[in-house]
Amino acid sequence: MNFHTEFEMPKRIKNFSRITNDPKILKLISSEYSRLAGISSEYFLTQIVKAANTLQTKRRIKKVLKFYKYFLKVLPIPKNLILISLISFLESDLPFLVFG
């Protein structure tokens, strides 16, 4: 088992973004951790939200791909249709976490 003595900030943020997508909890985590790490709470919150949105997008893409993997076994679909649906999904503006 390997243990790291130091984590860079992007790895820390990525780990925190995996905990939850709830804005209240992310705000609490960012305020407490920024106080301990000595960085700005707003900066840390925006970075966690950005990482959480990226993770959410990745999960949604995997979900679509798994659906088509199953669907292709059942019915043959042209591959162009799959690409068009993935492109339209990625181009859509999906606000995952909104603080207001």
PDB file of N, CA and C in Angstrom:
ATOM      1  N   MET A   1       0.847  -1.166   0.000  1.00  0.00           N
ATOM      2  CA  MET A   1       0.000   0.000   0.000  1.00  0.00           C
ATOM      3  C   MET A   1       0.897   1.234   0.000  1.00  0.00           C
ATOM      4  N   ASN A   2       0.580   2.177  -0.846  1.00  0.00           N
ATOM      5  CA  ASN A   2       1.367   3.403  -0.946  1.00  0.00           C
ATOM      6  C   ASN A   2       0.622   4.562  -0.302  1.00  0.00           C
ATOM      7  N   PHE A   3       1.345   5.345   0.453  1.00  0.00           N
ATOM      8  CA  PHE A   3       0.783   6.545   1.057  1.00  0.00           C
ATOM      9  C   PHE A   3       1.551   7.748   0.537  1.00  0.00           C
ATOM     10  N   HIS A   4       0.819   8.799   0.232  1.00  0.00           N
ATOM     11  CA  HIS A   4       1.430  10.015  -0.284  1.00  0.00           C
ATOM     12  C   HIS A   4       1.659  10.986   0.857  1.00  0.00           C
ATOM     13  N   THR A   5       2.796  11.638   0.823  1.00  0.00           N
ATOM     14  CA  THR A   5       3.063  12.635   1.855  1.00  0.00           C
ATOM     15  C   THR A   5       2.444  13.971   1.493  1.00  0.00           C
ATOM     16  N   GLU A   6       2.341  14.266   0.194  1.00  0.00           N
ATOM     17  CA  GLU A   6       1.768  15.537  -0.247  1.00  0.00           C
ATOM     18  C   GLU A   6       0.783  15.310  -1.382  1.00  0.00           C
ATOM     19  N   PHE A   7      -0.314  16.030  -1.331  1.00  0.00           N
ATOM     20  CA  PHE A   7      -1.273  16.044  -2.425  1.00  0.00           C
ATOM     21  C   PHE A   7      -1.295  17.438  -3.007  1.00  0.00           C
ATOM     22  N   GLU A   8      -1.289  17.519  -4.326  1.00  0.00           N
ATOM     23  CA  GLU A   8      -1.446  18.825  -4.950  1.00  0.00           C
ATOM     24  C   GLU A   8      -2.918  19.240  -4.861  1.00  0.00           C
ATOM     25  N   MET A   9      -3.168  20.516  -5.006  1.00  0.00           N
ATOM     26  CA  MET A   9      -4.518  21.049  -4.849  1.00  0.00           C
ATOM     27  C   MET A   9      -5.517  20.447  -5.835  1.00  0.00           C
ATOM     28  N   PRO A  10      -5.191  20.247  -7.124  1.00  0.00           N
ATOM     29  CA  PRO A  10      -6.196  19.644  -8.018  1.00  0.00           C
ATOM     30  C   PRO A  10      -6.635  18.241  -7.590  1.00  0.00           C
ATOM     31  N   LYS A  11      -5.717  17.446  -7.045  1.00  0.00           N
ATOM     32  CA  LYS A  11      -6.094  16.113  -6.569  1.00  0.00           C
ATOM     33  C   LYS A  11      -6.996  16.204  -5.344  1.00  0.00           C
ATOM     34  N   ARG A  12      -6.726  17.145  -4.473  1.00  0.00           N
ATOM     35  CA  ARG A  12      -7.575  17.331  -3.293  1.00  0.00           C
ATOM     36  C   ARG A  12      -8.983  17.726  -3.708  1.00  0.00           C
ATOM     37  N   ILE A  13      -9.059  18.668  -4.643  1.00  0.00           N
ATOM     38  CA  ILE A  13     -10.358  19.152  -5.105  1.00  0.00           C
ATOM     39  C   ILE A  13     -11.136  18.023  -5.769  1.00  0.00           C
ATOM     40  N   LYS A  14     -10.462  17.224  -6.571  1.00  0.00           N
ATOM     41  CA  LYS A  14     -11.116  16.111  -7.246  1.00  0.00           C
ATOM     42  C   LYS A  14     -11.660  15.108  -6.228  1.00  0.00           C
ATOM     43  N   ASN A  15     -10.906  14.847  -5.186  1.00  0.00           N
ATOM     44  CA  ASN A  15     -11.373  13.931  -4.144  1.00  0.00           C
ATOM     45  C   ASN A  15     -12.595  14.487  -3.415  1.00  0.00           C
ATOM     46  N   PHE A  16     -12.584  15.779  -3.106  1.00  0.00           N
ATOM     47  CA  PHE A  16     -13.727  16.382  -2.429  1.00  0.00           C
ATOM     48  C   PHE A  16     -14.959  16.409  -3.326  1.00  0.00           C
ATOM     49  N   SER A  17     -14.766  16.561  -4.632  1.00  0.00           N
ATOM     50  CA  SER A  17     -15.918  16.628  -5.531  1.00  0.00           C
ATOM     51  C   SER A  17     -16.620  15.280  -5.648  1.00  0.00           C
ATOM     52  N   ARG A  18     -15.931  14.199  -5.319  1.00  0.00           N
ATOM     53  CA  ARG A  18     -16.544  12.872  -5.393  1.00  0.00           C
ATOM     54  C   ARG A  18     -17.482  12.600  -4.223  1.00  0.00           C
ATOM     55  N   ILE A  19     -17.402  13.367  -3.170  1.00  0.00           N
ATOM     56  CA  ILE A  19     -18.198  13.101  -1.971  1.00  0.00           C
ATOM     57  C   ILE A  19     -19.686  13.269  -2.245  1.00  0.00           C
ATOM     58  N   THR A  20     -20.065  14.410  -2.805  1.00  0.00           N
ATOM     59  CA  THR A  20     -21.484  14.682  -3.025  1.00  0.00           C
ATOM     60  C   THR A  20     -21.649  15.755  -4.092  1.00  0.00           C
ATOM     61  N   ASN A  21     -22.892  15.917  -4.555  1.00  0.00           N
ATOM     62  CA  ASN A  21     -23.233  17.001  -5.476  1.00  0.00           C
ATOM     63  C   ASN A  21     -24.127  18.039  -4.807  1.00  0.00           C
ATOM     64  N   ASP A  22     -24.402  17.864  -3.530  1.00  0.00           N
ATOM     65  CA  ASP A  22     -25.271  18.780  -2.799  1.00  0.00           C
ATOM     66  C   ASP A  22     -24.554  20.107  -2.570  1.00  0.00           C
ATOM     67  N   PRO A  23     -25.120  21.225  -3.067  1.00  0.00           N
ATOM     68  CA  PRO A  23     -24.447  22.524  -2.930  1.00  0.00           C
ATOM     69  C   PRO A  23     -24.205  22.951  -1.490  1.00  0.00           C
ATOM     70  N   LYS A  24     -25.136  22.624  -0.585  1.00  0.00           N
ATOM     71  CA  LYS A  24     -24.963  23.024   0.816  1.00  0.00           C
ATOM     72  C   LYS A  24     -23.760  22.320   1.441  1.00  0.00           C
ATOM     73  N   ILE A  25     -23.634  21.042   1.161  1.00  0.00           N
ATOM     74  CA  ILE A  25     -22.518  20.281   1.724  1.00  0.00           C
ATOM     75  C   ILE A  25     -21.200  20.726   1.108  1.00  0.00           C
ATOM     76  N   LEU A  26     -21.203  20.987  -0.204  1.00  0.00           N
ATOM     77  CA  LEU A  26     -19.975  21.467  -0.851  1.00  0.00           C
ATOM     78  C   LEU A  26     -19.555  22.828  -0.296  1.00  0.00           C
ATOM     79  N   LYS A  27     -20.533  23.682  -0.008  1.00  0.00           N
ATOM     80  CA  LYS A  27     -20.220  24.986   0.566  1.00  0.00           C
ATOM     81  C   LYS A  27     -19.622  24.834   1.961  1.00  0.00           C
ATOM     82  N   LEU A  28     -20.163  23.921   2.760  1.00  0.00           N
ATOM     83  CA  LEU A  28     -19.635  23.646   4.094  1.00  0.00           C
ATOM     84  C   LEU A  28     -18.215  23.075   4.016  1.00  0.00           C
ATOM     85  N   ILE A  29     -18.001  22.133   3.119  1.00  0.00           N
ATOM     86  CA  ILE A  29     -16.676  21.546   2.948  1.00  0.00           C
ATOM     87  C   ILE A  29     -15.671  22.614   2.537  1.00  0.00           C
ATOM     88  N   SER A  30     -16.062  23.455   1.589  1.00  0.00           N
ATOM     89  CA  SER A  30     -15.124  24.478   1.110  1.00  0.00           C
ATOM     90  C   SER A  30     -14.794  25.499   2.189  1.00  0.00           C
ATOM     91  N   SER A  31     -15.781  25.876   3.002  1.00  0.00           N
ATOM     92  CA  SER A  31     -15.488  26.866   4.046  1.00  0.00           C
ATOM     93  C   SER A  31     -14.565  26.281   5.115  1.00  0.00           C
ATOM     94  N   GLU A  32     -14.832  25.048   5.523  1.00  0.00           N
ATOM     95  CA  GLU A  32     -14.002  24.435   6.564  1.00  0.00           C
ATOM     96  C   GLU A  32     -12.599  24.107   6.050  1.00  0.00           C
ATOM     97  N   TYR A  33     -12.517  23.559   4.859  1.00  0.00           N
ATOM     98  CA  TYR A  33     -11.204  23.170   4.351  1.00  0.00           C
ATOM     99  C   TYR A  33     -10.359  24.393   3.989  1.00  0.00           C
ATOM    100  N   SER A  34     -10.999  25.423   3.464  1.00  0.00           N
ATOM    101  CA  SER A  34     -10.240  26.633   3.125  1.00  0.00           C
ATOM    102  C   SER A  34      -9.688  27.300   4.382  1.00  0.00           C
ATOM    103  N   ARG A  35     -10.425  27.206   5.468  1.00  0.00           N
ATOM    104  CA  ARG A  35      -9.929  27.753   6.730  1.00  0.00           C
ATOM    105  C   ARG A  35      -8.697  26.977   7.194  1.00  0.00           C
ATOM    106  N   LEU A  36      -8.718  25.649   7.058  1.00  0.00           N
ATOM    107  CA  LEU A  36      -7.586  24.827   7.473  1.00  0.00           C
ATOM    108  C   LEU A  36      -6.393  24.953   6.529  1.00  0.00           C
ATOM    109  N   ALA A  37      -6.668  25.079   5.218  1.00  0.00           N
ATOM    110  CA  ALA A  37      -5.589  25.130   4.229  1.00  0.00           C
ATOM    111  C   ALA A  37      -5.055  26.542   4.028  1.00  0.00           C
ATOM    112  N   GLY A  38      -5.803  27.537   4.467  1.00  0.00           N
ATOM    113  CA  GLY A  38      -5.344  28.920   4.322  1.00  0.00           C
ATOM    114  C   GLY A  38      -5.526  29.479   2.927  1.00  0.00           C
ATOM    115  N   ILE A  39      -6.575  29.034   2.226  1.00  0.00           N
ATOM    116  CA  ILE A  39      -6.872  29.575   0.896  1.00  0.00           C
ATOM    117  C   ILE A  39      -8.268  30.183   0.918  1.00  0.00           C
ATOM    118  N   SER A  40      -8.610  30.852  -0.162  1.00  0.00           N
ATOM    119  CA  SER A  40      -9.896  31.522  -0.255  1.00  0.00           C
ATOM    120  C   SER A  40     -11.042  30.512  -0.349  1.00  0.00           C
ATOM    121  N   SER A  41     -12.089  30.763   0.416  1.00  0.00           N
ATOM    122  CA  SER A  41     -13.251  29.873   0.425  1.00  0.00           C
ATOM    123  C   SER A  41     -13.972  29.905  -0.920  1.00  0.00           C
ATOM    124  N   GLU A  42     -14.091  31.080  -1.512  1.00  0.00           N
ATOM    125  CA  GLU A  42     -14.781  31.220  -2.800  1.00  0.00           C
ATOM    126  C   GLU A  42     -14.026  30.498  -3.912  1.00  0.00           C
ATOM    127  N   TYR A  43     -12.706  30.615  -3.916  1.00  0.00           N
ATOM    128  CA  TYR A  43     -11.886  29.930  -4.922  1.00  0.00           C
ATOM    129  C   TYR A  43     -12.061  28.422  -4.794  1.00  0.00           C
ATOM    130  N   PHE A  44     -11.985  27.917  -3.577  1.00  0.00           N
ATOM    131  CA  PHE A  44     -12.100  26.483  -3.352  1.00  0.00           C
ATOM    132  C   PHE A  44     -13.495  25.980  -3.739  1.00  0.00           C
ATOM    133  N   LEU A  45     -14.527  26.766  -3.422  1.00  0.00           N
ATOM    134  CA  LEU A  45     -15.890  26.382  -3.768  1.00  0.00           C
ATOM    135  C   LEU A  45     -16.076  26.319  -5.281  1.00  0.00           C
ATOM    136  N   THR A  46     -15.580  27.304  -5.995  1.00  0.00           N
ATOM    137  CA  THR A  46     -15.728  27.292  -7.458  1.00  0.00           C
ATOM    138  C   THR A  46     -14.976  26.119  -8.075  1.00  0.00           C
ATOM    139  N   GLN A  47     -13.825  25.797  -7.533  1.00  0.00           N
ATOM    140  CA  GLN A  47     -13.062  24.667  -8.066  1.00  0.00           C
ATOM    141  C   GLN A  47     -13.753  23.337  -7.772  1.00  0.00           C
ATOM    142  N   ILE A  48     -14.331  23.186  -6.583  1.00  0.00           N
ATOM    143  CA  ILE A  48     -15.059  21.962  -6.258  1.00  0.00           C
ATOM    144  C   ILE A  48     -16.288  21.817  -7.147  1.00  0.00           C
ATOM    145  N   VAL A  49     -17.013  22.919  -7.352  1.00  0.00           N
ATOM    146  CA  VAL A  49     -18.208  22.877  -8.202  1.00  0.00           C
ATOM    147  C   VAL A  49     -17.822  22.519  -9.633  1.00  0.00           C
ATOM    148  N   LYS A  50     -16.738  23.088 -10.117  1.00  0.00           N
ATOM    149  CA  LYS A  50     -16.278  22.785 -11.473  1.00  0.00           C
ATOM    150  C   LYS A  50     -15.907  21.304 -11.589  1.00  0.00           C
ATOM    151  N   ALA A  51     -15.208  20.780 -10.605  1.00  0.00           N
ATOM    152  CA  ALA A  51     -14.828  19.361 -10.623  1.00  0.00           C
ATOM    153  C   ALA A  51     -16.062  18.470 -10.491  1.00  0.00           C
ATOM    154  N   ALA A  52     -17.028  18.864  -9.675  1.00  0.00           N
ATOM    155  CA  ALA A  52     -18.250  18.075  -9.516  1.00  0.00           C
ATOM    156  C   ALA A  52     -19.061  18.063 -10.808  1.00  0.00           C
ATOM    157  N   ASN A  53     -19.116  19.202 -11.505  1.00  0.00           N
ATOM    158  CA  ASN A  53     -19.819  19.259 -12.786  1.00  0.00           C
ATOM    159  C   ASN A  53     -19.140  18.381 -13.824  1.00  0.00           C
ATOM    160  N   THR A  54     -17.819  18.386 -13.839  1.00  0.00           N
ATOM    161  CA  THR A  54     -17.082  17.540 -14.766  1.00  0.00           C
ATOM    162  C   THR A  54     -17.350  16.070 -14.479  1.00  0.00           C
ATOM    163  N   LEU A  55     -17.350  15.713 -13.209  1.00  0.00           N
ATOM    164  CA  LEU A  55     -17.622  14.337 -12.819  1.00  0.00           C
ATOM    165  C   LEU A  55     -19.055  13.936 -13.185  1.00  0.00           C
ATOM    166  N   GLN A  56     -20.005  14.847 -12.977  1.00  0.00           N
ATOM    167  CA  GLN A  56     -21.401  14.580 -13.317  1.00  0.00           C
ATOM    168  C   GLN A  56     -21.566  14.379 -14.818  1.00  0.00           C
ATOM    169  N   THR A  57     -20.890  15.198 -15.618  1.00  0.00           N
ATOM    170  CA  THR A  57     -20.950  15.056 -17.072  1.00  0.00           C
ATOM    171  C   THR A  57     -20.364  13.717 -17.498  1.00  0.00           C
ATOM    172  N   LYS A  58     -19.251  13.356 -16.896  1.00  0.00           N
ATOM    173  CA  LYS A  58     -18.618  12.077 -17.215  1.00  0.00           C
ATOM    174  C   LYS A  58     -19.551  10.914 -16.888  1.00  0.00           C
ATOM    175  N   ARG A  59     -20.218  10.988 -15.749  1.00  0.00           N
ATOM    176  CA  ARG A  59     -21.154   9.926 -15.368  1.00  0.00           C
ATOM    177  C   ARG A  59     -22.341   9.847 -16.319  1.00  0.00           C
ATOM    178  N   ARG A  60     -22.839  10.987 -16.760  1.00  0.00           N
ATOM    179  CA  ARG A  60     -23.971  10.989 -17.688  1.00  0.00           C
ATOM    180  C   ARG A  60     -23.568  10.424 -19.049  1.00  0.00           C
ATOM    181  N   ILE A  61     -22.376  10.746 -19.502  1.00  0.00           N
ATOM    182  CA  ILE A  61     -21.903  10.211 -20.776  1.00  0.00           C
ATOM    183  C   ILE A  61     -21.758   8.699 -20.681  1.00  0.00           C
ATOM    184  N   LYS A  62     -21.212   8.214 -19.568  1.00  0.00           N
ATOM    185  CA  LYS A  62     -21.083   6.770 -19.383  1.00  0.00           C
ATOM    186  C   LYS A  62     -22.453   6.096 -19.370  1.00  0.00           C
ATOM    187  N   LYS A  63     -23.424   6.760 -18.773  1.00  0.00           N
ATOM    188  CA  LYS A  63     -24.773   6.206 -18.717  1.00  0.00           C
ATOM    189  C   LYS A  63     -25.362   6.080 -20.124  1.00  0.00           C
ATOM    190  N   VAL A  64     -25.171   7.109 -20.961  1.00  0.00           N
ATOM    191  CA  VAL A  64     -25.670   7.070 -22.332  1.00  0.00           C
ATOM    192  C   VAL A  64     -24.967   5.969 -23.117  1.00  0.00           C
ATOM    193  N   LEU A  65     -23.659   5.867 -22.950  1.00  0.00           N
ATOM    194  CA  LEU A  65     -22.906   4.848 -23.675  1.00  0.00           C
ATOM    195  C   LEU A  65     -23.314   3.441 -23.252  1.00  0.00           C
ATOM    196  N   LYS A  66     -23.545   3.239 -21.964  1.00  0.00           N
ATOM    197  CA  LYS A  66     -23.992   1.927 -21.498  1.00  0.00           C
ATOM    198  C   LYS A  66     -25.374   1.592 -22.052  1.00  0.00           C
ATOM    199  N   PHE A  67     -26.246   2.602 -22.154  1.00  0.00           N
ATOM    200  CA  PHE A  67     -27.565   2.377 -22.719  1.00  0.00           C
ATOM    201  C   PHE A  67     -27.448   1.920 -24.165  1.00  0.00           C
ATOM    202  N   TYR A  68     -26.622   2.620 -24.955  1.00  0.00           N
ATOM    203  CA  TYR A  68     -26.467   2.254 -26.353  1.00  0.00           C
ATOM    204  C   TYR A  68     -25.763   0.911 -26.517  1.00  0.00           C
ATOM    205  N   LYS A  69     -24.886   0.574 -25.595  1.00  0.00           N
ATOM    206  CA  LYS A  69     -24.231  -0.725 -25.654  1.00  0.00           C
ATOM    207  C   LYS A  69     -25.271  -1.837 -25.510  1.00  0.00           C
ATOM    208  N   TYR A  70     -26.196  -1.666 -24.586  1.00  0.00           N
ATOM    209  CA  TYR A  70     -27.273  -2.627 -24.419  1.00  0.00           C
ATOM    210  C   TYR A  70     -28.231  -2.581 -25.599  1.00  0.00           C
ATOM    211  N   PHE A  71     -28.571  -1.373 -26.036  1.00  0.00           N
ATOM    212  CA  PHE A  71     -29.551  -1.186 -27.094  1.00  0.00           C
ATOM    213  C   PHE A  71     -29.051  -1.743 -28.419  1.00  0.00           C
ATOM    214  N   LEU A  72     -27.761  -1.652 -28.671  1.00  0.00           N
ATOM    215  CA  LEU A  72     -27.209  -2.183 -29.913  1.00  0.00           C
ATOM    216  C   LEU A  72     -27.271  -3.706 -29.956  1.00  0.00           C
ATOM    217  N   LYS A  73     -27.233  -4.342 -28.802  1.00  0.00           N
ATOM    218  CA  LYS A  73     -27.366  -5.791 -28.766  1.00  0.00           C
ATOM    219  C   LYS A  73     -28.788  -6.214 -29.116  1.00  0.00           C
ATOM    220  N   VAL A  74     -29.757  -5.396 -28.747  1.00  0.00           N
ATOM    221  CA  VAL A  74     -31.160  -5.735 -28.981  1.00  0.00           C
ATOM    222  C   VAL A  74     -31.577  -5.391 -30.413  1.00  0.00           C
ATOM    223  N   LEU A  75     -31.332  -4.146 -30.815  1.00  0.00           N
ATOM    224  CA  LEU A  75     -31.708  -3.680 -32.152  1.00  0.00           C
ATOM    225  C   LEU A  75     -30.495  -3.069 -32.845  1.00  0.00           C
ATOM    226  N   PRO A  76     -30.274  -3.389 -34.089  1.00  0.00           N
ATOM    227  CA  PRO A  76     -29.165  -2.726 -34.801  1.00  0.00           C
ATOM    228  C   PRO A  76     -29.533  -1.283 -35.132  1.00  0.00           C
ATOM    229  N   ILE A  77     -28.674  -0.355 -34.722  1.00  0.00           N
ATOM    230  CA  ILE A  77     -28.884   1.079 -34.945  1.00  0.00           C
ATOM    231  C   ILE A  77     -27.694   1.600 -35.733  1.00  0.00           C
ATOM    232  N   PRO A  78     -27.921   2.508 -36.680  1.00  0.00           N
ATOM    233  CA  PRO A  78     -26.772   3.099 -37.392  1.00  0.00           C
ATOM    234  C   PRO A  78     -25.867   3.856 -36.421  1.00  0.00           C
ATOM    235  N   LYS A  79     -24.589   3.719 -36.611  1.00  0.00           N
ATOM    236  CA  LYS A  79     -23.636   4.362 -35.708  1.00  0.00           C
ATOM    237  C   LYS A  79     -23.687   5.878 -35.804  1.00  0.00           C
ATOM    238  N   ASN A  80     -24.133   6.401 -36.932  1.00  0.00           N
ATOM    239  CA  ASN A  80     -24.264   7.856 -37.066  1.00  0.00           C
ATOM    240  C   ASN A  80     -25.284   8.406 -36.076  1.00  0.00           C
ATOM    241  N   LEU A  81     -26.331   7.649 -35.829  1.00  0.00           N
ATOM    242  CA  LEU A  81     -27.358   8.082 -34.884  1.00  0.00           C
ATOM    243  C   LEU A  81     -26.791   8.190 -33.470  1.00  0.00           C
ATOM    244  N   ILE A  82     -25.926   7.271 -33.110  1.00  0.00           N
ATOM    245  CA  ILE A  82     -25.300   7.305 -31.791  1.00  0.00           C
ATOM    246  C   ILE A  82     -24.416   8.533 -31.667  1.00  0.00           C
ATOM    247  N   LEU A  83     -23.616   8.794 -32.691  1.00  0.00           N
ATOM    248  CA  LEU A  83     -22.729   9.961 -32.652  1.00  0.00           C
ATOM    249  C   LEU A  83     -23.523  11.259 -32.595  1.00  0.00           C
ATOM    250  N   ILE A  84     -24.602  11.336 -33.357  1.00  0.00           N
ATOM    251  CA  ILE A  84     -25.422  12.553 -33.357  1.00  0.00           C
ATOM    252  C   ILE A  84     -26.046  12.774 -31.986  1.00  0.00           C
ATOM    253  N   SER A  85     -26.536  11.707 -31.370  1.00  0.00           N
ATOM    254  CA  SER A  85     -27.153  11.873 -30.052  1.00  0.00           C
ATOM    255  C   SER A  85     -26.118  12.242 -28.989  1.00  0.00           C
ATOM    256  N   LEU A  86     -24.904  11.692 -29.067  1.00  0.00           N
ATOM    257  CA  LEU A  86     -23.856  12.070 -28.120  1.00  0.00           C
ATOM    258  C   LEU A  86     -23.435  13.519 -28.312  1.00  0.00           C
ATOM    259  N   ILE A  87     -23.301  13.938 -29.546  1.00  0.00           N
ATOM    260  CA  ILE A  87     -22.909  15.330 -29.821  1.00  0.00           C
ATOM    261  C   ILE A  87     -23.984  16.288 -29.333  1.00  0.00           C
ATOM    262  N   SER A  88     -25.244  15.969 -29.575  1.00  0.00           N
ATOM    263  CA  SER A  88     -26.312  16.855 -29.107  1.00  0.00           C
ATOM    264  C   SER A  88     -26.378  16.881 -27.582  1.00  0.00           C
ATOM    265  N   PHE A  89     -26.070  15.755 -26.941  1.00  0.00           N
ATOM    266  CA  PHE A  89     -26.043  15.713 -25.481  1.00  0.00           C
ATOM    267  C   PHE A  89     -24.925  16.589 -24.938  1.00  0.00           C
ATOM    268  N   LEU A  90     -23.748  16.525 -25.562  1.00  0.00           N
ATOM    269  CA  LEU A  90     -22.614  17.306 -25.081  1.00  0.00           C
ATOM    270  C   LEU A  90     -22.788  18.796 -25.355  1.00  0.00           C
ATOM    271  N   GLU A  91     -23.496  19.147 -26.416  1.00  0.00           N
ATOM    272  CA  GLU A  91     -23.694  20.552 -26.747  1.00  0.00           C
ATOM    273  C   GLU A  91     -24.788  21.204 -25.919  1.00  0.00           C
ATOM    274  N   SER A  92     -25.648  20.408 -25.301  1.00  0.00           N
ATOM    275  CA  SER A  92     -26.728  20.981 -24.510  1.00  0.00           C
ATOM    276  C   SER A  92     -26.154  21.651 -23.266  1.00  0.00           C
ATOM    277  N   ASP A  93     -26.778  22.730 -22.882  1.00  0.00           N
ATOM    278  CA  ASP A  93     -26.330  23.487 -21.713  1.00  0.00           C
ATOM    279  C   ASP A  93     -27.052  22.939 -20.495  1.00  0.00           C
ATOM    280  N   LEU A  94     -26.329  22.145 -19.688  1.00  0.00           N
ATOM    281  CA  LEU A  94     -26.920  21.515 -18.523  1.00  0.00           C
ATOM    282  C   LEU A  94     -26.307  22.065 -17.246  1.00  0.00           C
ATOM    283  N   PRO A  95     -27.008  22.963 -16.559  1.00  0.00           N
ATOM    284  CA  PRO A  95     -26.470  23.454 -15.275  1.00  0.00           C
ATOM    285  C   PRO A  95     -26.694  22.411 -14.181  1.00  0.00           C
ATOM    286  N   PHE A  96     -25.618  21.797 -13.699  1.00  0.00           N
ATOM    287  CA  PHE A  96     -25.752  20.738 -12.707  1.00  0.00           C
ATOM    288  C   PHE A  96     -25.889  21.322 -11.309  1.00  0.00           C
ATOM    289  N   LEU A  97     -24.965  22.167 -10.957  1.00  0.00           N
ATOM    290  CA  LEU A  97     -24.999  22.752  -9.617  1.00  0.00           C
ATOM    291  C   LEU A  97     -25.171  24.253  -9.763  1.00  0.00           C
ATOM    292  N   VAL A  98     -26.210  24.770  -9.167  1.00  0.00           N
ATOM    293  CA  VAL A  98     -26.488  26.200  -9.269  1.00  0.00           C
ATOM    294  C   VAL A  98     -26.547  26.762  -7.873  1.00  0.00           C
ATOM    295  N   PHE A  99     -25.709  27.756  -7.632  1.00  0.00           N
ATOM    296  CA  PHE A  99     -25.743  28.456  -6.354  1.00  0.00           C
ATOM    297  C   PHE A  99     -26.440  29.773  -6.581  1.00  0.00           C
ATOM    298  N   GLY A 100     -27.420  30.050  -5.759  1.00  0.00           N
ATOM    299  CA  GLY A 100     -28.140  31.287  -6.000  1.00  0.00           C
ATOM    300  C   GLY A 100     -28.660  31.937  -4.810  1.00  0.00           C
TER     301      GLY A 100
END
